[in-house]
Amino acid sequence: MTDDIAAGSPASYASSPADGYVGDPAVAAHWDGRYTDRERLWSGQPNGALVAEVAGLTPGRVLDVGCGEGADAVWLARHGWDVTALEVSGVALRRAARHAADAGVAVRWVHAELARAGLAPGSFDLVSAQYPALLRTPDAAAERALLTAVAPGGVLLLVHHAGMDTHQAHDDGFDPADYVWPAMVAELLDDDWEVEVNEQRPRVAPEGGAGAHHTDDLVLRAHRRR
């Protein structure tokens, strides 16, 4: 998703968004409200870090976590990837499906929270989470779901806005302590993983859309050896 953060018994896979949401209804309602408030929430362009980091990869199966209105999913599909896109907001998924149809590409849509989506372990050659809003839990369910979804030989790409994890809680209810940040995922990487990138860098930001004011990214890219 992106900057304001969003995030998942098995979810439905479909070429168009399914009605059967799997996850906390309050989370879905919050994000449906965010999307309903604006005709288009994000820029409509793929995220710069995704484009840069995927450039050298051989297309395969990819999971787009928090796909929002579908810009990354459509870009990946256009570049030969077999795309599964997961999102909590049904409003966003319907927009994403229209975007994909207009582009003439096929995407599998999953209406679910990541940790509850019922994805088969090791299913994806690339798991991409661009500015996701993954809620933290004591058992690190979301972090482990990201790692578990990556196939042996595959890549995890997690990108977030630098500095958000150290912000103070907002009056609107946003508290960084409630969410998963790249450092938390990096801490779970064991000898089965090779960290290829773990850095802060200037953000290549699409013009327009919420979150455009952020200037730096945290980029974690890790290769699963086995």
Protein backbone atom coordinates (compact mmCIF):
# COMPACT_ATOMS: atom_id res chain seq x y z
CA MET A 1 0.00 0.00 0.00
CA THR A 2 1.97 2.97 1.17
CA ASP A 3 2.64 5.71 3.52
CA ASP A 4 -0.27 5.76 5.92
CA ILE A 5 0.21 2.10 6.25
CA ALA A 6 -2.10 -0.75 5.46
CA ALA A 7 -2.18 -4.32 5.26
CA GLY A 8 -5.28 -10.46 5.30
CA SER A 9 -8.57 -19.45 6.58
CA PRO A 10 -7.61 -19.30 3.02
CA ALA A 11 -8.44 -16.37 0.80
CA SER A 12 -10.13 -16.56 -2.57
CA TYR A 13 -8.02 -16.44 -5.71
CA ALA A 14 -9.75 -14.88 -8.68
CA SER A 15 -9.11 -12.96 -11.88
CA SER A 16 -11.45 -10.33 -10.44
CA PRO A 17 -11.76 -9.36 -6.76
CA ALA A 18 -13.64 -11.91 -4.68
CA ASP A 19 -16.25 -10.90 -2.12
CA GLY A 20 -15.03 -13.27 0.61
CA TYR A 21 -12.61 -11.17 2.65
CA VAL A 22 -10.37 -13.01 5.12
CA GLY A 23 -9.17 -10.84 7.97
CA ASP A 24 -10.19 -8.25 10.52
CA PRO A 25 -13.30 -6.42 9.23
CA ALA A 26 -12.22 -3.24 11.00
CA VAL A 27 -8.97 -3.15 9.04
CA ALA A 28 -10.80 -3.60 5.75
CA ALA A 29 -13.36 -0.95 6.68
CA HIS A 30 -10.63 1.54 7.59
CA TRP A 31 -8.93 1.15 4.24
CA ASP A 32 -12.16 1.07 2.29
CA GLY A 33 -12.91 4.44 3.88
CA ARG A 34 -9.51 5.81 2.89
CA TYR A 35 -10.00 4.78 -0.72
CA THR A 36 -13.62 5.92 -0.89
CA ASP A 37 -12.59 9.41 0.22
CA ARG A 38 -10.55 9.91 -2.96
CA GLU A 39 -11.14 8.93 -6.57
CA ARG A 40 -7.50 7.82 -6.74
CA LEU A 41 -5.36 7.51 -3.64
CA TRP A 42 -1.96 6.66 -5.15
CA SER A 43 -0.04 7.90 -8.19
CA GLY A 44 -1.01 5.13 -10.60
CA GLN A 45 2.68 4.50 -11.37
CA PRO A 46 4.90 1.62 -10.18
CA ASN A 47 7.11 2.27 -7.17
CA GLY A 48 10.65 3.30 -8.10
CA ALA A 49 12.39 0.88 -5.72
CA LEU A 50 10.45 -2.03 -7.18
CA VAL A 51 11.38 -1.10 -10.74
CA ALA A 52 15.05 -0.73 -9.79
CA GLU A 53 15.35 -3.94 -7.78
CA VAL A 54 13.40 -6.19 -10.15
CA ALA A 55 15.27 -5.09 -13.26
CA GLY A 56 17.81 -7.92 -13.11
CA LEU A 57 15.46 -10.71 -12.03
CA THR A 58 14.06 -13.43 -14.27
CA PRO A 59 10.25 -13.17 -14.25
CA GLY A 60 8.42 -15.88 -12.36
CA ARG A 61 5.70 -16.04 -9.73
CA VAL A 62 5.32 -12.86 -7.69
CA LEU A 63 3.21 -11.89 -4.69
CA ASP A 64 2.40 -8.17 -4.47
CA VAL A 65 1.58 -7.55 -0.79
CA GLY A 66 -0.74 -4.59 -0.21
CA CYS A 67 -1.30 -3.99 -3.92
CA GLY A 68 -3.50 -0.91 -3.45
CA GLU A 69 -4.89 0.29 -6.77
CA GLY A 70 -2.70 -2.12 -8.71
CA ALA A 71 0.07 -0.06 -10.29
CA ASP A 72 2.86 -2.44 -9.23
CA ALA A 73 0.84 -5.54 -10.10
CA VAL A 74 0.11 -4.24 -13.59
CA TRP A 75 3.73 -3.23 -14.16
CA LEU A 76 4.95 -6.67 -13.07
CA ALA A 77 2.43 -8.44 -15.30
CA ARG A 78 3.48 -6.31 -18.26
CA HIS A 79 7.06 -7.41 -17.65
CA GLY A 80 6.29 -11.10 -17.78
CA TRP A 81 5.59 -11.92 -14.14
CA ASP A 82 2.82 -14.29 -13.03
CA VAL A 83 1.19 -11.96 -10.50
CA THR A 84 -0.83 -12.63 -7.37
CA ALA A 85 -1.88 -9.39 -5.68
CA LEU A 86 -3.12 -9.22 -2.09
CA GLU A 87 -5.04 -6.36 -0.52
CA VAL A 88 -7.37 -5.74 2.45
CA SER A 89 -9.50 -3.07 0.77
CA GLY A 90 -12.20 -4.30 -1.57
CA VAL A 91 -12.54 -0.78 -2.95
CA ALA A 92 -8.85 -0.77 -3.88
CA LEU A 93 -9.04 -4.24 -5.39
CA ARG A 94 -11.91 -3.28 -7.67
CA ARG A 95 -9.91 -0.29 -8.89
CA ALA A 96 -6.86 -2.51 -9.38
CA ALA A 97 -8.87 -5.02 -11.40
CA ARG A 98 -10.12 -2.24 -13.68
CA HIS A 99 -6.56 -1.00 -14.08
CA ALA A 100 -5.40 -4.50 -15.06
CA ALA A 101 -8.29 -4.97 -17.48
CA ASP A 102 -7.54 -1.64 -19.14
CA ALA A 103 -3.89 -2.72 -19.47
CA GLY A 104 -4.87 -6.11 -20.88
CA VAL A 105 -2.97 -8.12 -18.25
CA ALA A 106 -4.01 -11.00 -15.99
CA VAL A 107 -3.62 -10.82 -12.20
CA ARG A 108 -4.89 -13.10 -9.43
CA TRP A 109 -6.55 -11.03 -6.70
CA VAL A 110 -6.58 -12.05 -3.05
CA HIS A 111 -8.84 -10.12 -0.65
CA ALA A 112 -7.19 -10.87 2.67
CA GLU A 113 -4.73 -9.91 5.36
CA LEU A 114 -1.35 -11.45 4.63
CA ALA A 115 -1.06 -13.56 7.77
CA ARG A 116 -4.50 -15.06 7.23
CA ALA A 117 -4.46 -15.50 3.46
CA GLY A 118 -3.67 -19.23 3.48
CA LEU A 119 -0.90 -18.93 0.88
CA ALA A 120 1.01 -22.14 0.22
CA PRO A 121 4.55 -21.98 1.65
CA GLY A 122 7.31 -21.34 -0.85
CA SER A 123 4.92 -20.32 -3.63
CA PHE A 124 6.63 -17.23 -5.01
CA ASP A 125 9.91 -16.41 -6.74
CA LEU A 126 9.47 -12.81 -5.60
CA VAL A 127 7.54 -11.41 -2.66
CA SER A 128 7.24 -7.64 -3.02
CA ALA A 129 5.92 -5.50 -0.18
CA GLN A 130 6.08 -1.82 -1.08
CA TYR A 131 5.28 0.43 1.90
CA PRO A 132 2.96 -2.17 3.43
CA ALA A 133 0.82 -1.62 6.50
CA LEU A 134 1.33 -4.94 8.23
CA LEU A 135 0.07 -5.05 11.79
CA ARG A 136 2.46 -6.33 14.44
CA THR A 137 1.49 -9.31 16.59
CA PRO A 138 3.33 -11.08 19.45
CA ASP A 139 4.00 -14.12 17.25
CA ALA A 140 5.40 -12.02 14.36
CA ALA A 141 2.75 -13.55 12.08
CA ALA A 142 3.05 -11.00 9.28
CA GLU A 143 6.85 -11.07 9.24
CA ARG A 144 6.88 -14.86 9.10
CA ALA A 145 4.21 -14.89 6.39
CA LEU A 146 6.43 -12.71 4.20
CA LEU A 147 9.38 -15.07 4.61
CA THR A 148 7.39 -18.28 4.30
CA ALA A 149 5.86 -17.22 0.99
CA VAL A 150 9.26 -17.01 -0.74
CA ALA A 151 10.34 -20.09 -2.69
CA PRO A 152 13.87 -21.50 -2.35
CA GLY A 153 16.00 -19.45 -4.72
CA GLY A 154 13.49 -16.60 -4.53
CA VAL A 155 13.72 -13.00 -3.35
CA LEU A 156 12.00 -10.95 -0.67
CA LEU A 157 11.82 -7.23 -1.44
CA LEU A 158 10.52 -5.05 1.38
CA VAL A 159 10.50 -1.27 1.00
CA HIS A 160 9.31 1.32 3.48
CA HIS A 161 9.51 5.04 4.17
CA ALA A 162 12.62 5.90 6.17
CA GLY A 163 12.01 7.40 9.58
CA MET A 164 8.37 6.39 10.00
CA ASP A 165 9.28 3.73 12.54
CA THR A 166 10.60 6.39 14.92
CA HIS A 167 7.66 8.79 14.68
CA GLN A 168 5.57 9.51 17.73
CA ALA A 169 2.02 8.20 17.91
CA HIS A 170 -0.39 10.50 16.04
CA ASP A 171 -3.63 11.96 17.34
CA ASP A 172 -5.42 10.19 14.47
CA GLY A 173 -4.53 6.83 16.01
CA PHE A 174 -1.47 5.90 13.95
CA ASP A 175 1.24 4.46 16.19
CA PRO A 176 4.46 3.15 14.58
CA ALA A 177 4.72 0.54 17.32
CA ASP A 178 1.65 -1.18 15.87
CA TYR A 179 3.31 -1.97 12.52
CA VAL A 180 6.00 -4.14 10.97
CA TRP A 181 9.18 -2.40 9.77
CA PRO A 182 12.05 -3.78 7.66
CA ALA A 183 14.41 -4.13 10.64
CA MET A 184 11.94 -6.51 12.28
CA VAL A 185 11.93 -8.75 9.23
CA ALA A 186 15.71 -8.57 8.90
CA GLU A 187 16.06 -9.85 12.47
CA LEU A 188 14.28 -13.07 11.49
CA LEU A 189 16.60 -13.91 8.59
CA ASP A 190 18.70 -16.97 9.36
CA ASP A 191 21.38 -18.90 7.48
CA ASP A 192 18.84 -19.87 4.82
CA TRP A 193 18.92 -16.26 3.65
CA GLU A 194 21.48 -13.96 2.04
CA VAL A 195 20.89 -10.24 2.56
CA GLU A 196 21.65 -8.54 -0.75
CA VAL A 197 20.50 -5.02 0.12
CA ASN A 198 19.71 -3.47 3.50
CA GLU A 199 20.03 0.27 3.23
CA GLN A 200 18.48 3.70 3.28
CA ARG A 201 18.49 5.50 -0.07
CA PRO A 202 16.85 8.49 -1.77
CA ARG A 203 13.38 7.61 -2.94
CA VAL A 204 12.47 7.55 -6.62
CA ALA A 205 8.90 8.72 -6.11
CA PRO A 206 6.10 8.69 -8.68
CA GLU A 207 4.46 12.08 -9.04
CA GLY A 208 1.20 12.65 -7.21
CA GLY A 209 -0.71 10.51 -4.79
CA ALA A 210 -0.51 10.12 -1.03
CA GLY A 211 2.97 9.63 0.38
CA ALA A 212 4.71 11.64 -2.34
CA HIS A 213 6.32 13.85 0.34
CA HIS A 214 8.57 11.05 1.61
CA THR A 215 12.15 11.48 0.39
CA ASP A 216 14.04 8.35 1.52
CA ASP A 217 13.38 4.61 1.40
CA LEU A 218 14.46 1.73 3.56
CA VAL A 219 15.15 -1.17 1.17
CA LEU A 220 15.57 -4.77 2.31
CA ARG A 221 16.25 -7.35 -0.38
CA ALA A 222 17.07 -10.90 0.65
CA HIS A 223 17.66 -14.08 -1.35
CA ARG A 224 16.39 -17.36 0.06
CA ARG A 225 19.10 -19.97 -0.45
CA ARG A 226 16.96 -22.96 0.52
